PDB file of N, CA and C in Angstrom:
ATOM      1  N   UNK A   1       0.843  -1.185   0.000  1.00  0.00           N
ATOM      2  CA  UNK A   1       0.000   0.000   0.000  1.00  0.00           C
ATOM      3  C   UNK A   1       0.886   1.246   0.000  1.00  0.00           C
ATOM      4  N   UNK A   2       0.673   2.090  -0.980  1.00  0.00           N
ATOM      5  CA  UNK A   2       1.441   3.318  -1.074  1.00  0.00           C
ATOM      6  C   UNK A   2       0.897   4.349  -0.107  1.00  0.00           C
ATOM      7  N   UNK A   3       1.781   4.985   0.598  1.00  0.00           N
ATOM      8  CA  UNK A   3       1.409   6.057   1.526  1.00  0.00           C
ATOM      9  C   UNK A   3       1.962   7.364   0.992  1.00  0.00           C
ATOM     10  N   UNK A   4       1.124   8.393   1.009  1.00  0.00           N
ATOM     11  CA  UNK A   4       1.521   9.702   0.507  1.00  0.00           C
ATOM     12  C   UNK A   4       1.514  10.703   1.651  1.00  0.00           C
ATOM     13  N   UNK A   5       2.580  11.462   1.754  1.00  0.00           N
ATOM     14  CA  UNK A   5       2.672  12.516   2.752  1.00  0.00           C
ATOM     15  C   UNK A   5       2.853  13.841   2.034  1.00  0.00           C
ATOM     16  N   UNK A   6       1.848  14.710   2.170  1.00  0.00           N
ATOM     17  CA  UNK A   6       1.878  16.017   1.525  1.00  0.00           C
ATOM     18  C   UNK A   6       2.331  17.070   2.516  1.00  0.00           C
ATOM     19  N   UNK A   7       2.977  18.087   2.013  1.00  0.00           N
ATOM     20  CA  UNK A   7       3.337  19.225   2.842  1.00  0.00           C
ATOM     21  C   UNK A   7       3.309  20.488   1.985  1.00  0.00           C
ATOM     22  N   UNK A   8       3.240  21.597   2.672  1.00  0.00           N
ATOM     23  CA  UNK A   8       3.156  22.878   1.982  1.00  0.00           C
ATOM     24  C   UNK A   8       1.746  23.409   2.038  1.00  0.00           C
ATOM     25  N   UNK A   9       1.464  24.346   1.191  1.00  0.00           N
ATOM     26  CA  UNK A   9       0.153  24.970   1.193  1.00  0.00           C
ATOM     27  C   UNK A   9       0.091  26.072   2.236  1.00  0.00           C
ATOM     28  N   UNK A  10      -1.108  26.616   2.401  1.00  0.00           N
ATOM     29  CA  UNK A  10      -1.293  27.688   3.365  1.00  0.00           C
ATOM     30  C   UNK A  10      -2.010  28.872   2.762  1.00  0.00           C
ATOM     31  N   UNK A  11      -1.810  30.018   3.375  1.00  0.00           N
ATOM     32  CA  UNK A  11      -2.489  31.251   2.957  1.00  0.00           C
ATOM     33  C   UNK A  11      -1.465  32.221   2.373  1.00  0.00           C
ATOM     34  N   UNK A  12      -1.810  32.804   1.238  1.00  0.00           N
ATOM     35  CA  UNK A  12      -0.905  33.748   0.583  1.00  0.00           C
ATOM     36  C   UNK A  12      -1.736  34.811  -0.114  1.00  0.00           C
ATOM     37  N   UNK A  13      -1.164  35.972  -0.286  1.00  0.00           N
ATOM     38  CA  UNK A  13      -1.855  37.027  -1.031  1.00  0.00           C
ATOM     39  C   UNK A  13      -1.721  36.781  -2.533  1.00  0.00           C
ATOM     40  N   UNK A  14      -2.652  37.318  -3.270  1.00  0.00           N
ATOM     41  CA  UNK A  14      -2.599  37.208  -4.725  1.00  0.00           C
ATOM     42  C   UNK A  14      -1.266  37.743  -5.238  1.00  0.00           C
ATOM     43  N   UNK A  15      -0.692  37.005  -6.187  1.00  0.00           N
ATOM     44  CA  UNK A  15       0.616  37.371  -6.716  1.00  0.00           C
ATOM     45  C   UNK A  15       1.768  36.674  -6.020  1.00  0.00           C
ATOM     46  N   UNK A  16       1.466  36.050  -4.907  1.00  0.00           N
ATOM     47  CA  UNK A  16       2.499  35.376  -4.143  1.00  0.00           C
ATOM     48  C   UNK A  16       2.778  33.968  -4.639  1.00  0.00           C
ATOM     49  N   UNK A  17       3.615  33.269  -3.886  1.00  0.00           N
ATOM     50  CA  UNK A  17       4.046  31.925  -4.259  1.00  0.00           C
ATOM     51  C   UNK A  17       3.896  30.962  -3.096  1.00  0.00           C
ATOM     52  N   UNK A  18       3.661  29.728  -3.435  1.00  0.00           N
ATOM     53  CA  UNK A  18       3.638  28.636  -2.476  1.00  0.00           C
ATOM     54  C   UNK A  18       4.224  27.407  -3.152  1.00  0.00           C
ATOM     55  N   UNK A  19       4.692  26.478  -2.352  1.00  0.00           N
ATOM     56  CA  UNK A  19       5.165  25.223  -2.912  1.00  0.00           C
ATOM     57  C   UNK A  19       4.574  24.060  -2.137  1.00  0.00           C
ATOM     58  N   UNK A  20       4.319  22.998  -2.843  1.00  0.00           N
ATOM     59  CA  UNK A  20       3.793  21.771  -2.267  1.00  0.00           C
ATOM     60  C   UNK A  20       4.778  20.636  -2.541  1.00  0.00           C
ATOM     61  N   UNK A  21       4.800  19.679  -1.652  1.00  0.00           N
ATOM     62  CA  UNK A  21       5.586  18.481  -1.901  1.00  0.00           C
ATOM     63  C   UNK A  21       4.769  17.252  -1.516  1.00  0.00           C
ATOM     64  N   UNK A  22       5.095  16.154  -2.142  1.00  0.00           N
ATOM     65  CA  UNK A  22       4.386  14.897  -1.900  1.00  0.00           C
ATOM     66  C   UNK A  22       5.398  13.770  -1.939  1.00  0.00           C
ATOM     67  N   UNK A  23       5.536  13.068  -0.831  1.00  0.00           N
ATOM     68  CA  UNK A  23       6.479  11.961  -0.744  1.00  0.00           C
ATOM     69  C   UNK A  23       5.706  10.656  -0.672  1.00  0.00           C
ATOM     70  N   UNK A  24       6.045   9.731  -1.552  1.00  0.00           N
ATOM     71  CA  UNK A  24       5.391   8.428  -1.593  1.00  0.00           C
ATOM     72  C   UNK A  24       6.308   7.377  -0.989  1.00  0.00           C
ATOM     73  N   UNK A  25       5.716   6.464  -0.260  1.00  0.00           N
ATOM     74  CA  UNK A  25       6.478   5.360   0.317  1.00  0.00           C
ATOM     75  C   UNK A  25       5.619   4.110   0.327  1.00  0.00           C
ATOM     76  N   UNK A  26       6.284   2.970   0.486  1.00  0.00           N
ATOM     77  CA  UNK A  26       5.569   1.713   0.618  1.00  0.00           C
ATOM     78  C   UNK A  26       5.190   1.033  -0.679  1.00  0.00           C
ATOM     79  N   UNK A  27       5.716   1.522  -1.799  1.00  0.00           N
ATOM     80  CA  UNK A  27       5.357   0.907  -3.078  1.00  0.00           C
ATOM     81  C   UNK A  27       6.037  -0.445  -3.244  1.00  0.00           C
ATOM     82  N   UNK A  28       5.258  -1.419  -3.693  1.00  0.00           N
ATOM     83  CA  UNK A  28       5.797  -2.742  -4.021  1.00  0.00           C
ATOM     84  C   UNK A  28       5.977  -2.906  -5.512  1.00  0.00           C
ATOM     85  N   UNK A  29       5.627  -1.861  -6.243  1.00  0.00           N
ATOM     86  CA  UNK A  29       5.735  -1.915  -7.692  1.00  0.00           C
ATOM     87  C   UNK A  29       6.598  -0.790  -8.207  1.00  0.00           C
ATOM     88  N   UNK A  30       6.106  -0.157  -9.254  1.00  0.00           N
ATOM     89  CA  UNK A  30       6.852   0.936  -9.873  1.00  0.00           C
ATOM     90  C   UNK A  30       5.938   2.147 -10.013  1.00  0.00           C
ATOM     91  N   UNK A  31       6.375   3.252  -9.453  1.00  0.00           N
ATOM     92  CA  UNK A  31       5.602   4.486  -9.591  1.00  0.00           C
ATOM     93  C   UNK A  31       5.901   5.084 -10.954  1.00  0.00           C
ATOM     94  N   UNK A  32       4.874   5.252 -11.760  1.00  0.00           N
ATOM     95  CA  UNK A  32       5.077   5.709 -13.129  1.00  0.00           C
ATOM     96  C   UNK A  32       4.688   7.159 -13.335  1.00  0.00           C
ATOM     97  N   UNK A  33       3.915   7.710 -12.438  1.00  0.00           N
ATOM     98  CA  UNK A  33       3.517   9.113 -12.582  1.00  0.00           C
ATOM     99  C   UNK A  33       3.102   9.659 -11.233  1.00  0.00           C
ATOM    100  N   UNK A  34       3.285  10.954 -11.071  1.00  0.00           N
ATOM    101  CA  UNK A  34       2.840  11.667  -9.876  1.00  0.00           C
ATOM    102  C   UNK A  34       2.200  12.971 -10.335  1.00  0.00           C
ATOM    103  N   UNK A  35       1.239  13.419  -9.572  1.00  0.00           N
ATOM    104  CA  UNK A  35       0.571  14.640  -9.994  1.00  0.00           C
ATOM    105  C   UNK A  35      -0.177  15.318  -8.869  1.00  0.00           C
ATOM    106  N   UNK A  36      -0.699  16.480  -9.206  1.00  0.00           N
ATOM    107  CA  UNK A  36      -1.489  17.271  -8.270  1.00  0.00           C
ATOM    108  C   UNK A  36      -2.851  17.576  -8.900  1.00  0.00           C
ATOM    109  N   UNK A  37      -3.861  17.382  -8.121  1.00  0.00           N
ATOM    110  CA  UNK A  37      -5.229  17.733  -8.487  1.00  0.00           C
ATOM    111  C   UNK A  37      -5.727  18.740  -7.454  1.00  0.00           C
ATOM    112  N   UNK A  38      -6.787  19.437  -7.788  1.00  0.00           N
ATOM    113  CA  UNK A  38      -7.357  20.364  -6.822  1.00  0.00           C
ATOM    114  C   UNK A  38      -8.873  20.349  -6.908  1.00  0.00           C
ATOM    115  N   UNK A  39      -9.477  20.729  -5.804  1.00  0.00           N
ATOM    116  CA  UNK A  39     -10.932  20.780  -5.745  1.00  0.00           C
ATOM    117  C   UNK A  39     -11.367  21.951  -4.900  1.00  0.00           C
ATOM    118  N   UNK A  40     -12.075  22.860  -5.531  1.00  0.00           N
ATOM    119  CA  UNK A  40     -12.642  24.007  -4.826  1.00  0.00           C
ATOM    120  C   UNK A  40     -14.042  23.638  -4.343  1.00  0.00           C
ATOM    121  N   UNK A  41     -14.546  24.308  -3.328  1.00  0.00           N
ATOM    122  CA  UNK A  41     -15.896  24.004  -2.817  1.00  0.00           C
ATOM    123  C   UNK A  41     -16.934  24.081  -3.922  1.00  0.00           C
ATOM    124  N   UNK A  42     -17.745  23.043  -4.017  1.00  0.00           N
ATOM    125  CA  UNK A  42     -18.791  23.018  -5.023  1.00  0.00           C
ATOM    126  C   UNK A  42     -18.330  22.710  -6.418  1.00  0.00           C
ATOM    127  N   UNK A  43     -17.046  22.429  -6.589  1.00  0.00           N
ATOM    128  CA  UNK A  43     -16.502  22.149  -7.917  1.00  0.00           C
ATOM    129  C   UNK A  43     -16.010  20.713  -7.996  1.00  0.00           C
ATOM    130  N   UNK A  44     -15.831  20.242  -9.230  1.00  0.00           N
ATOM    131  CA  UNK A  44     -15.250  18.919  -9.414  1.00  0.00           C
ATOM    132  C   UNK A  44     -13.744  18.987  -9.243  1.00  0.00           C
ATOM    133  N   UNK A  45     -13.182  17.852  -8.878  1.00  0.00           N
ATOM    134  CA  UNK A  45     -11.731  17.769  -8.777  1.00  0.00           C
ATOM    135  C   UNK A  45     -11.141  17.854 -10.175  1.00  0.00           C
ATOM    136  N   UNK A  46     -10.085  18.645 -10.321  1.00  0.00           N
ATOM    137  CA  UNK A  46      -9.470  18.828 -11.630  1.00  0.00           C
ATOM    138  C   UNK A  46      -7.963  18.629 -11.558  1.00  0.00           C
ATOM    139  N   UNK A  47      -7.411  18.172 -12.658  1.00  0.00           N
ATOM    140  CA  UNK A  47      -5.971  17.989 -12.744  1.00  0.00           C
ATOM    141  C   UNK A  47      -5.295  19.348 -12.807  1.00  0.00           C
ATOM    142  N   UNK A  48      -4.257  19.506 -11.996  1.00  0.00           N
ATOM    143  CA  UNK A  48      -3.446  20.722 -12.039  1.00  0.00           C
ATOM    144  C   UNK A  48      -2.210  20.470 -12.895  1.00  0.00           C
ATOM    145  N   UNK A  49      -1.474  19.433 -12.544  1.00  0.00           N
ATOM    146  CA  UNK A  49      -0.265  19.085 -13.284  1.00  0.00           C
ATOM    147  C   UNK A  49       0.148  17.680 -12.920  1.00  0.00           C
ATOM    148  N   UNK A  50       0.789  16.998 -13.866  1.00  0.00           N
ATOM    149  CA  UNK A  50       1.368  15.712 -13.536  1.00  0.00           C
ATOM    150  C   UNK A  50       2.678  15.533 -14.273  1.00  0.00           C
ATOM    151  N   UNK A  51       3.433  14.542 -13.807  1.00  0.00           N
ATOM    152  CA  UNK A  51       4.753  14.285 -14.370  1.00  0.00           C
ATOM    153  C   UNK A  51       4.982  12.779 -14.384  1.00  0.00           C
ATOM    154  N   UNK A  52       5.502  12.286 -15.497  1.00  0.00           N
ATOM    155  CA  UNK A  52       5.756  10.855 -15.603  1.00  0.00           C
ATOM    156  C   UNK A  52       7.182  10.535 -15.167  1.00  0.00           C
ATOM    157  N   UNK A  53       7.458   9.251 -15.026  1.00  0.00           N
ATOM    158  CA  UNK A  53       8.773   8.822 -14.570  1.00  0.00           C
ATOM    159  C   UNK A  53       9.852   9.181 -15.590  1.00  0.00           C
ATOM    160  N   UNK A  54       9.464   9.389 -16.849  1.00  0.00           N
ATOM    161  CA  UNK A  54      10.450   9.779 -17.861  1.00  0.00           C
ATOM    162  C   UNK A  54      10.500  11.287 -18.040  1.00  0.00           C
ATOM    163  N   UNK A  55       9.757  12.009 -17.202  1.00  0.00           N
ATOM    164  CA  UNK A  55       9.867  13.463 -17.186  1.00  0.00           C
ATOM    165  C   UNK A  55       8.839  14.227 -17.995  1.00  0.00           C
ATOM    166  N   UNK A  56       7.925  13.529 -18.635  1.00  0.00           N
ATOM    167  CA  UNK A  56       6.880  14.227 -19.362  1.00  0.00           C
ATOM    168  C   UNK A  56       5.936  14.938 -18.414  1.00  0.00           C
ATOM    169  N   UNK A  57       5.554  16.156 -18.746  1.00  0.00           N
ATOM    170  CA  UNK A  57       4.675  16.935 -17.880  1.00  0.00           C
ATOM    171  C   UNK A  57       3.404  17.351 -18.607  1.00  0.00           C
ATOM    172  N   UNK A  58       2.394  17.616 -17.819  1.00  0.00           N
ATOM    173  CA  UNK A  58       1.097  18.024 -18.346  1.00  0.00           C
ATOM    174  C   UNK A  58       0.516  19.038 -17.373  1.00  0.00           C
ATOM    175  N   UNK A  59      -0.007  20.149 -17.896  1.00  0.00           N
ATOM    176  CA  UNK A  59      -0.542  21.200 -17.037  1.00  0.00           C
ATOM    177  C   UNK A  59      -1.951  21.586 -17.471  1.00  0.00           C
ATOM    178  N   UNK A  60      -2.742  21.957 -16.514  1.00  0.00           N
ATOM    179  CA  UNK A  60      -4.027  22.570 -16.838  1.00  0.00           C
ATOM    180  C   UNK A  60      -3.749  23.926 -17.486  1.00  0.00           C
ATOM    181  N   UNK A  61      -4.586  24.292 -18.444  1.00  0.00           N
ATOM    182  CA  UNK A  61      -4.388  25.574 -19.123  1.00  0.00           C
ATOM    183  C   UNK A  61      -4.358  26.742 -18.145  1.00  0.00           C
ATOM    184  N   UNK A  62      -5.140  26.639 -17.095  1.00  0.00           N
ATOM    185  CA  UNK A  62      -5.273  27.744 -16.147  1.00  0.00           C
ATOM    186  C   UNK A  62      -4.016  27.995 -15.330  1.00  0.00           C
ATOM    187  N   UNK A  63      -3.082  27.036 -15.315  1.00  0.00           N
ATOM    188  CA  UNK A  63      -1.871  27.207 -14.502  1.00  0.00           C
ATOM    189  C   UNK A  63      -0.597  27.264 -15.332  1.00  0.00           C
ATOM    190  N   UNK A  64      -0.727  27.057 -16.627  1.00  0.00           N
ATOM    191  CA  UNK A  64       0.457  27.078 -17.491  1.00  0.00           C
ATOM    192  C   UNK A  64       1.179  28.415 -17.377  1.00  0.00           C
ATOM    193  N   UNK A  65       2.500  28.336 -17.228  1.00  0.00           N
ATOM    194  CA  UNK A  65       3.304  29.543 -17.103  1.00  0.00           C
ATOM    195  C   UNK A  65       3.404  30.068 -15.681  1.00  0.00           C
ATOM    196  N   UNK A  66       2.591  29.518 -14.779  1.00  0.00           N
ATOM    197  CA  UNK A  66       2.628  29.971 -13.378  1.00  0.00           C
ATOM    198  C   UNK A  66       3.056  28.856 -12.427  1.00  0.00           C
ATOM    199  N   UNK A  67       2.661  27.643 -12.723  1.00  0.00           N
ATOM    200  CA  UNK A  67       2.993  26.506 -11.859  1.00  0.00           C
ATOM    201  C   UNK A  67       4.039  25.636 -12.548  1.00  0.00           C
ATOM    202  N   UNK A  68       4.890  25.028 -11.730  1.00  0.00           N
ATOM    203  CA  UNK A  68       5.901  24.108 -12.250  1.00  0.00           C
ATOM    204  C   UNK A  68       5.914  22.842 -11.407  1.00  0.00           C
ATOM    205  N   UNK A  69       5.766  21.710 -12.078  1.00  0.00           N
ATOM    206  CA  UNK A  69       5.838  20.428 -11.387  1.00  0.00           C
ATOM    207  C   UNK A  69       7.202  19.813 -11.647  1.00  0.00           C
ATOM    208  N   UNK A  70       7.749  19.197 -10.634  1.00  0.00           N
ATOM    209  CA  UNK A  70       9.016  18.489 -10.763  1.00  0.00           C
ATOM    210  C   UNK A  70       8.973  17.273  -9.851  1.00  0.00           C
ATOM    211  N   UNK A  71       9.946  16.417 -10.023  1.00  0.00           N
ATOM    212  CA  UNK A  71       9.958  15.204  -9.213  1.00  0.00           C
ATOM    213  C   UNK A  71      11.372  14.692  -9.034  1.00  0.00           C
ATOM    214  N   UNK A  72      11.609  14.099  -7.909  1.00  0.00           N
ATOM    215  CA  UNK A  72      12.824  13.329  -7.638  1.00  0.00           C
ATOM    216  C   UNK A  72      12.352  11.886  -7.585  1.00  0.00           C
ATOM    217  N   UNK A  73      12.470  11.211  -8.702  1.00  0.00           N
ATOM    218  CA  UNK A  73      11.886   9.866  -8.790  1.00  0.00           C
ATOM    219  C   UNK A  73      12.632   8.870  -7.918  1.00  0.00           C
ATOM    220  N   UNK A  74      13.900   9.112  -7.669  1.00  0.00           N
ATOM    221  CA  UNK A  74      14.658   8.222  -6.781  1.00  0.00           C
ATOM    222  C   UNK A  74      14.092   8.268  -5.368  1.00  0.00           C
ATOM    223  N   UNK A  75      13.521   9.430  -5.010  1.00  0.00           N
ATOM    224  CA  UNK A  75      12.932   9.584  -3.683  1.00  0.00           C
ATOM    225  C   UNK A  75      11.410   9.480  -3.717  1.00  0.00           C
ATOM    226  N   UNK A  76      10.869   9.225  -4.909  1.00  0.00           N
ATOM    227  CA  UNK A  76       9.409   9.140  -5.075  1.00  0.00           C
ATOM    228  C   UNK A  76       8.727  10.370  -4.485  1.00  0.00           C
ATOM    229  N   UNK A  77       9.270  11.522  -4.803  1.00  0.00           N
ATOM    230  CA  UNK A  77       8.750  12.777  -4.282  1.00  0.00           C
ATOM    231  C   UNK A  77       8.461  13.731  -5.436  1.00  0.00           C
ATOM    232  N   UNK A  78       7.303  14.347  -5.386  1.00  0.00           N
ATOM    233  CA  UNK A  78       6.917  15.329  -6.392  1.00  0.00           C
ATOM    234  C   UNK A  78       6.757  16.682  -5.732  1.00  0.00           C
ATOM    235  N   UNK A  79       7.001  17.714  -6.519  1.00  0.00           N
ATOM    236  CA  UNK A  79       6.931  19.083  -6.022  1.00  0.00           C
ATOM    237  C   UNK A  79       6.056  19.900  -6.973  1.00  0.00           C
ATOM    238  N   UNK A  80       5.367  20.861  -6.405  1.00  0.00           N
ATOM    239  CA  UNK A  80       4.599  21.794  -7.227  1.00  0.00           C
ATOM    240  C   UNK A  80       4.938  23.204  -6.756  1.00  0.00           C
ATOM    241  N   UNK A  81       5.612  23.945  -7.615  1.00  0.00           N
ATOM    242  CA  UNK A  81       5.917  25.349  -7.334  1.00  0.00           C
ATOM    243  C   UNK A  81       4.817  26.194  -7.957  1.00  0.00           C
ATOM    244  N   UNK A  82       4.171  26.992  -7.141  1.00  0.00           N
ATOM    245  CA  UNK A  82       3.046  27.800  -7.600  1.00  0.00           C
ATOM    246  C   UNK A  82       3.406  29.272  -7.462  1.00  0.00           C
ATOM    247  N   UNK A  83       3.517  29.954  -8.574  1.00  0.00           N
ATOM    248  CA  UNK A  83       3.855  31.382  -8.601  1.00  0.00           C
ATOM    249  C   UNK A  83       2.685  32.174  -9.170  1.00  0.00           C
ATOM    250  N   UNK A  84       2.738  33.465  -8.937  1.00  0.00           N
ATOM    251  CA  UNK A  84       1.686  34.365  -9.444  1.00  0.00           C
ATOM    252  C   UNK A  84       0.302  33.833  -9.107  1.00  0.00           C
ATOM    253  N   UNK A  85       0.127  33.459  -7.877  1.00  0.00           N
ATOM    254  CA  UNK A  85      -1.134  32.845  -7.455  1.00  0.00           C
ATOM    255  C   UNK A  85      -2.287  33.828  -7.554  1.00  0.00           C
ATOM    256  N   UNK A  86      -3.449  33.275  -7.886  1.00  0.00           N
ATOM    257  CA  UNK A  86      -4.670  34.048  -8.037  1.00  0.00           C
ATOM    258  C   UNK A  86      -5.718  33.528  -7.061  1.00  0.00           C
ATOM    259  N   UNK A  87      -6.683  34.356  -6.709  1.00  0.00           N
ATOM    260  CA  UNK A  87      -7.746  33.881  -5.809  1.00  0.00           C
ATOM    261  C   UNK A  87      -8.444  32.627  -6.340  1.00  0.00           C
ATOM    262  N   UNK A  88      -8.556  32.508  -7.639  1.00  0.00           N
ATOM    263  CA  UNK A  88      -9.218  31.327  -8.202  1.00  0.00           C
ATOM    264  C   UNK A  88      -8.377  30.056  -8.083  1.00  0.00           C
ATOM    265  N   UNK A  89      -7.149  30.160  -7.608  1.00  0.00           N
ATOM    266  CA  UNK A  89      -6.348  28.969  -7.326  1.00  0.00           C
ATOM    267  C   UNK A  89      -6.682  28.382  -5.960  1.00  0.00           C
ATOM    268  N   UNK A  90      -7.513  29.076  -5.200  1.00  0.00           N
ATOM    269  CA  UNK A  90      -7.904  28.593  -3.883  1.00  0.00           C
ATOM    270  C   UNK A  90      -8.640  27.269  -4.003  1.00  0.00           C
ATOM    271  N   UNK A  91      -8.134  26.264  -3.296  1.00  0.00           N
ATOM    272  CA  UNK A  91      -8.715  24.919  -3.363  1.00  0.00           C
ATOM    273  C   UNK A  91      -7.952  24.008  -2.421  1.00  0.00           C
ATOM    274  N   UNK A  92      -8.501  22.827  -2.230  1.00  0.00           N
ATOM    275  CA  UNK A  92      -7.752  21.750  -1.588  1.00  0.00           C
ATOM    276  C   UNK A  92      -6.956  21.056  -2.684  1.00  0.00           C
ATOM    277  N   UNK A  93      -5.670  20.883  -2.460  1.00  0.00           N
ATOM    278  CA  UNK A  93      -4.788  20.271  -3.453  1.00  0.00           C
ATOM    279  C   UNK A  93      -4.440  18.852  -2.994  1.00  0.00           C
ATOM    280  N   UNK A  94      -4.589  17.923  -3.916  1.00  0.00           N
ATOM    281  CA  UNK A  94      -4.378  16.514  -3.622  1.00  0.00           C
ATOM    282  C   UNK A  94      -3.258  15.944  -4.487  1.00  0.00           C
ATOM    283  N   UNK A  95      -2.359  15.242  -3.850  1.00  0.00           N
ATOM    284  CA  UNK A  95      -1.326  14.515  -4.580  1.00  0.00           C
ATOM    285  C   UNK A  95      -1.906  13.185  -5.045  1.00  0.00           C
ATOM    286  N   UNK A  96      -1.530  12.777  -6.234  1.00  0.00           N
ATOM    287  CA  UNK A  96      -1.966  11.494  -6.764  1.00  0.00           C
ATOM    288  C   UNK A  96      -0.777  10.786  -7.380  1.00  0.00           C
ATOM    289  N   UNK A  97      -0.688   9.495  -7.136  1.00  0.00           N
ATOM    290  CA  UNK A  97       0.425   8.688  -7.612  1.00  0.00           C
ATOM    291  C   UNK A  97      -0.129   7.492  -8.367  1.00  0.00           C
ATOM    292  N   UNK A  98       0.497   7.169  -9.485  1.00  0.00           N
ATOM    293  CA  UNK A  98       0.144   5.971 -10.243  1.00  0.00           C
ATOM    294  C   UNK A  98       1.239   4.931 -10.035  1.00  0.00           C
ATOM    295  N   UNK A  99       0.829   3.776  -9.551  1.00  0.00           N
ATOM    296  CA  UNK A  99       1.757   2.681  -9.332  1.00  0.00           C
ATOM    297  C   UNK A  99       1.368   1.515 -10.230  1.00  0.00           C
ATOM    298  N   UNK A 100       2.374   0.871 -10.784  1.00  0.00           N
ATOM    299  CA  UNK A 100       2.126  -0.327 -11.595  1.00  0.00           C
ATOM    300  C   UNK A 100       2.679  -1.538 -10.850  1.00  0.00           C
ATOM    301  N   UNK A 101       1.788  -2.505 -10.625  1.00  0.00           N
ATOM    302  CA  UNK A 101       2.180  -3.785 -10.007  1.00  0.00           C
ATOM    303  C   UNK A 101       1.551  -4.902 -10.803  1.00  0.00           C
ATOM    304  N   UNK A 102       2.357  -5.846 -11.236  1.00  0.00           N
ATOM    305  CA  UNK A 102       1.861  -6.994 -12.008  1.00  0.00           C
ATOM    306  C   UNK A 102       0.997  -6.540 -13.166  1.00  0.00           C
ATOM    307  N   UNK A 103       1.476  -5.553 -13.884  1.00  0.00           N
ATOM    308  CA  UNK A 103       0.822  -5.019 -15.087  1.00  0.00           C
ATOM    309  C   UNK A 103      -0.509  -4.335 -14.805  1.00  0.00           C
ATOM    310  N   UNK A 104      -0.787  -4.049 -13.562  1.00  0.00           N
ATOM    311  CA  UNK A 104      -2.033  -3.363 -13.212  1.00  0.00           C
ATOM    312  C   UNK A 104      -1.700  -2.003 -12.608  1.00  0.00           C
ATOM    313  N   UNK A 105      -2.460  -0.983 -13.019  1.00  0.00           N
ATOM    314  CA  UNK A 105      -2.260   0.347 -12.474  1.00  0.00           C
ATOM    315  C   UNK A 105      -3.128   0.562 -11.249  1.00  0.00           C
ATOM    316  N   UNK A 106      -2.534   1.228 -10.263  1.00  0.00           N
ATOM    317  CA  UNK A 106      -3.250   1.595  -9.049  1.00  0.00           C
ATOM    318  C   UNK A 106      -3.040   3.090  -8.809  1.00  0.00           C
ATOM    319  N   UNK A 107      -4.104   3.769  -8.443  1.00  0.00           N
ATOM    320  CA  UNK A 107      -4.033   5.194  -8.119  1.00  0.00           C
ATOM    321  C   UNK A 107      -4.136   5.365  -6.609  1.00  0.00           C
ATOM    322  N   UNK A 108      -3.293   6.218  -6.079  1.00  0.00           N
ATOM    323  CA  UNK A 108      -3.314   6.527  -4.654  1.00  0.00           C
ATOM    324  C   UNK A 108      -3.416   8.033  -4.483  1.00  0.00           C
ATOM    325  N   UNK A 109      -4.157   8.446  -3.477  1.00  0.00           N
ATOM    326  CA  UNK A 109      -4.412   9.870  -3.226  1.00  0.00           C
ATOM    327  C   UNK A 109      -3.922  10.274  -1.853  1.00  0.00           C
ATOM    328  N   UNK A 110      -3.391  11.494  -1.776  1.00  0.00           N
ATOM    329  CA  UNK A 110      -3.046  12.059  -0.499  1.00  0.00           C
ATOM    330  C   UNK A 110      -4.282  12.595   0.204  1.00  0.00           C
ATOM    331  N   UNK A 111      -4.083  13.089   1.411  1.00  0.00           N
ATOM    332  CA  UNK A 111      -5.209  13.548   2.217  1.00  0.00           C
ATOM    333  C   UNK A 111      -5.637  14.962   1.849  1.00  0.00           C
ATOM    334  N   UNK A 112      -4.812  15.651   1.071  1.00  0.00           N
ATOM    335  CA  UNK A 112      -5.142  17.002   0.648  1.00  0.00           C
ATOM    336  C   UNK A 112      -4.514  18.058   1.536  1.00  0.00           C
ATOM    337  N   UNK A 113      -4.164  19.158   0.916  1.00  0.00           N
ATOM    338  CA  UNK A 113      -3.627  20.302   1.658  1.00  0.00           C
ATOM    339  C   UNK A 113      -4.282  21.563   1.101  1.00  0.00           C
ATOM    340  N   UNK A 114      -4.652  22.464   1.987  1.00  0.00           N
ATOM    341  CA  UNK A 114      -5.411  23.643   1.567  1.00  0.00           C
ATOM    342  C   UNK A 114      -4.497  24.759   1.086  1.00  0.00           C
ATOM    343  N   UNK A 115      -4.861  25.330  -0.033  1.00  0.00           N
ATOM    344  CA  UNK A 115      -4.209  26.532  -0.553  1.00  0.00           C
ATOM    345  C   UNK A 115      -5.270  27.623  -0.638  1.00  0.00           C
ATOM    346  N   UNK A 116      -5.007  28.723   0.028  1.00  0.00           N
ATOM    347  CA  UNK A 116      -5.940  29.844   0.019  1.00  0.00           C
ATOM    348  C   UNK A 116      -5.209  31.095  -0.449  1.00  0.00           C
ATOM    349  N   UNK A 117      -5.753  31.719  -1.474  1.00  0.00           N
ATOM    350  CA  UNK A 117      -5.157  32.928  -2.039  1.00  0.00           C
ATOM    351  C   UNK A 117      -6.117  34.088  -1.818  1.00  0.00           C
ATOM    352  N   UNK A 118      -5.667  35.062  -1.062  1.00  0.00           N
ATOM    353  CA  UNK A 118      -6.521  36.215  -0.773  1.00  0.00           C
ATOM    354  C   UNK A 118      -6.299  37.316  -1.804  1.00  0.00           C
ATOM    355  N   UNK A 119      -7.360  38.057  -2.052  1.00  0.00           N
ATOM    356  CA  UNK A 119      -7.267  39.128  -3.063  1.00  0.00           C
ATOM    357  C   UNK A 119      -6.822  40.443  -2.453  1.00  0.00           C
TER     358      UNK A 119
END
């Protein structure tokens, strides 16, 4: 069972920066991708950014040019640097990890960390 430990987040003024990190442990297989999703009150959970084990990245249009995802795959840790934050970035941010075991993919989610951007 993969365990995810998230850190970072908090309260920041618009235009400011925050960083998130997510450390995965306990994998019996191979972690092939890590990412961040977010969910604002009353909204569906949406992908913010993800990164594959070979370094491919994917970003939501709303965060392109402002957020940067990176990973230390040897440590199974992903990072999300968030710059030029806007009030609409306010949400609970969740780390998600894809693990492959015996040719089957498993998704694991962190407990979430709150990001609040004041105007």
